[in-house]
Amino acid sequence: MAISLFLLASLAFIAGCGFFGIAKSAIHEIEGLLCFLISAVLLTGSAIVSACRRAAYLPSIEEVPLSDSLQDIRREIRDNTPRWRG
């Protein structure tokens, strides 16, 4: 998904450069600028999809090995956190 969004962003950018390069009136310049904006949105979407995919494979905080002092801090926070009693 991220690769296809990146490819579409590249295609929109190239089209925007082409439209902007051969512009004969203001409407053609606007068309080129709109292609640049579409390219920016697609590139941002590609980055978000890529970041979400990377975040999905990160280990949870409980699985990360920590030093003894950080283990003590984690235990202290867990023990001192107020819990709801229903």
C-alpha atoms as a PDB file:
ATOM      1  CA  MET A   1       0.000   0.000   0.000  1.00  0.00           C
ATOM      2  CA  ALA A   2       2.742   2.432   0.928  1.00  0.00           C
ATOM      3  CA  ILE A   3       4.639   1.642  -2.265  1.00  0.00           C
ATOM      4  CA  SER A   4       1.593   2.189  -4.452  1.00  0.00           C
ATOM      5  CA  LEU A   5       0.873   5.518  -2.733  1.00  0.00           C
ATOM      6  CA  PHE A   6       4.490   6.539  -3.226  1.00  0.00           C
ATOM      7  CA  LEU A   7       4.352   5.617  -6.907  1.00  0.00           C
ATOM      8  CA  LEU A   8       1.111   7.563  -7.373  1.00  0.00           C
ATOM      9  CA  ALA A   9       2.681  10.538  -5.584  1.00  0.00           C
ATOM     10  CA  SER A  10       5.664  10.383  -7.924  1.00  0.00           C
ATOM     11  CA  LEU A  11       3.380  10.173 -10.949  1.00  0.00           C
ATOM     12  CA  ALA A  12       1.317  13.154  -9.746  1.00  0.00           C
ATOM     13  CA  PHE A  13       4.490  15.153  -9.133  1.00  0.00           C
ATOM     14  CA  ILE A  14       5.812  14.411 -12.626  1.00  0.00           C
ATOM     15  CA  ALA A  15       2.424  15.315 -14.113  1.00  0.00           C
ATOM     16  CA  GLY A  16       2.415  18.552 -12.117  1.00  0.00           C
ATOM     17  CA  CYS A  17       5.879  19.412 -13.412  1.00  0.00           C
ATOM     18  CA  GLY A  18       4.716  18.684 -16.946  1.00  0.00           C
ATOM     19  CA  PHE A  19       1.547  20.747 -16.657  1.00  0.00           C
ATOM     20  CA  PHE A  20       3.356  23.592 -14.955  1.00  0.00           C
ATOM     21  CA  GLY A  21       6.173  23.501 -17.508  1.00  0.00           C
ATOM     22  CA  ILE A  22       3.919  23.818 -20.564  1.00  0.00           C
ATOM     23  CA  ALA A  23       1.374  26.156 -18.974  1.00  0.00           C
ATOM     24  CA  LYS A  24      -0.043  28.706 -21.409  1.00  0.00           C
ATOM     25  CA  SER A  25      -2.585  30.270 -19.098  1.00  0.00           C
ATOM     26  CA  ALA A  26      -3.462  30.563 -15.438  1.00  0.00           C
ATOM     27  CA  ILE A  27      -5.742  27.523 -15.537  1.00  0.00           C
ATOM     28  CA  HIS A  28      -2.844  25.320 -16.602  1.00  0.00           C
ATOM     29  CA  GLU A  29      -0.696  26.668 -13.783  1.00  0.00           C
ATOM     30  CA  ILE A  30      -3.500  25.917 -11.329  1.00  0.00           C
ATOM     31  CA  GLU A  31      -3.747  22.399 -12.732  1.00  0.00           C
ATOM     32  CA  GLY A  32      -0.023  21.918 -12.171  1.00  0.00           C
ATOM     33  CA  LEU A  33      -0.240  23.239  -8.623  1.00  0.00           C
ATOM     34  CA  LEU A  34      -3.173  20.930  -7.885  1.00  0.00           C
ATOM     35  CA  CYS A  35      -1.080  17.999  -9.072  1.00  0.00           C
ATOM     36  CA  PHE A  36       1.672  19.112  -6.678  1.00  0.00           C
ATOM     37  CA  LEU A  37      -0.868  19.214  -3.830  1.00  0.00           C
ATOM     38  CA  ILE A  38      -2.197  15.771  -4.731  1.00  0.00           C
ATOM     39  CA  SER A  39       1.372  14.517  -4.771  1.00  0.00           C
ATOM     40  CA  ALA A  40       1.987  15.946  -1.288  1.00  0.00           C
ATOM     41  CA  VAL A  41      -1.170  14.308   0.111  1.00  0.00           C
ATOM     42  CA  LEU A  42      -0.293  10.934  -1.421  1.00  0.00           C
ATOM     43  CA  LEU A  43       3.280  11.143  -0.135  1.00  0.00           C
ATOM     44  CA  THR A  44       2.018  11.953   3.353  1.00  0.00           C
ATOM     45  CA  GLY A  45      -0.381   9.021   3.180  1.00  0.00           C
ATOM     46  CA  SER A  46       2.471   6.763   2.153  1.00  0.00           C
ATOM     47  CA  ALA A  47       4.529   7.894   5.143  1.00  0.00           C
ATOM     48  CA  ILE A  48       1.608   7.335   7.530  1.00  0.00           C
ATOM     49  CA  VAL A  49       0.926   3.838   6.200  1.00  0.00           C
ATOM     50  CA  SER A  50       4.624   2.999   6.478  1.00  0.00           C
ATOM     51  CA  ALA A  51       4.790   4.290  10.068  1.00  0.00           C
ATOM     52  CA  CYS A  52       1.670   2.332  11.052  1.00  0.00           C
ATOM     53  CA  ARG A  53       3.094  -0.855   9.594  1.00  0.00           C
ATOM     54  CA  ARG A  54       6.355  -0.361  11.504  1.00  0.00           C
ATOM     55  CA  ALA A  55       4.485   0.401  14.730  1.00  0.00           C
ATOM     56  CA  ALA A  56       2.428  -2.780  14.389  1.00  0.00           C
ATOM     57  CA  TYR A  57       5.594  -4.869  14.685  1.00  0.00           C
ATOM     58  CA  LEU A  58       7.100  -3.090  17.690  1.00  0.00           C
ATOM     59  CA  PRO A  59       7.228  -5.181  20.859  1.00  0.00           C
ATOM     60  CA  SER A  60       4.996  -4.115  23.703  1.00  0.00           C
ATOM     61  CA  ILE A  61       6.577  -2.291  26.633  1.00  0.00           C
ATOM     62  CA  GLU A  62       6.323  -5.389  28.835  1.00  0.00           C
ATOM     63  CA  GLU A  63       8.443  -7.444  26.409  1.00  0.00           C
ATOM     64  CA  VAL A  64      11.363  -5.018  26.223  1.00  0.00           C
ATOM     65  CA  PRO A  65      14.281  -6.139  28.408  1.00  0.00           C
ATOM     66  CA  LEU A  66      15.311  -3.405  30.825  1.00  0.00           C
ATOM     67  CA  SER A  67      18.132  -2.896  33.257  1.00  0.00           C
ATOM     68  CA  ASP A  68      17.580  -3.697  36.935  1.00  0.00           C
ATOM     69  CA  SER A  69      17.049  -0.069  37.914  1.00  0.00           C
ATOM     70  CA  LEU A  70      14.417   0.412  35.221  1.00  0.00           C
ATOM     71  CA  GLN A  71      12.754  -2.845  36.274  1.00  0.00           C
ATOM     72  CA  ASP A  72      12.545  -1.431  39.833  1.00  0.00           C
ATOM     73  CA  ILE A  73      11.017   1.801  38.554  1.00  0.00           C
ATOM     74  CA  ARG A  74       8.464  -0.107  36.482  1.00  0.00           C
ATOM     75  CA  ARG A  75       7.535  -2.248  39.512  1.00  0.00           C
ATOM     76  CA  GLU A  76       7.218   0.838  41.717  1.00  0.00           C
ATOM     77  CA  ILE A  77       4.940   2.577  39.231  1.00  0.00           C
ATOM     78  CA  ARG A  78       2.813  -0.535  38.832  1.00  0.00           C
ATOM     79  CA  ASP A  79       2.492  -1.004  42.594  1.00  0.00           C
ATOM     80  CA  ASN A  80       1.709   2.649  43.364  1.00  0.00           C
ATOM     81  CA  THR A  81      -0.810   3.207  40.601  1.00  0.00           C
ATOM     82  CA  PRO A  82      -4.312   3.536  42.066  1.00  0.00           C
ATOM     83  CA  ARG A  83      -6.713   0.943  40.773  1.00  0.00           C
ATOM     84  CA  TRP A  84     -10.451   1.178  40.449  1.00  0.00           C
ATOM     85  CA  ARG A  85     -12.282  -0.911  42.988  1.00  0.00           C
ATOM     86  CA  GLY A  86     -15.790  -1.731  41.883  1.00  0.00           C
END
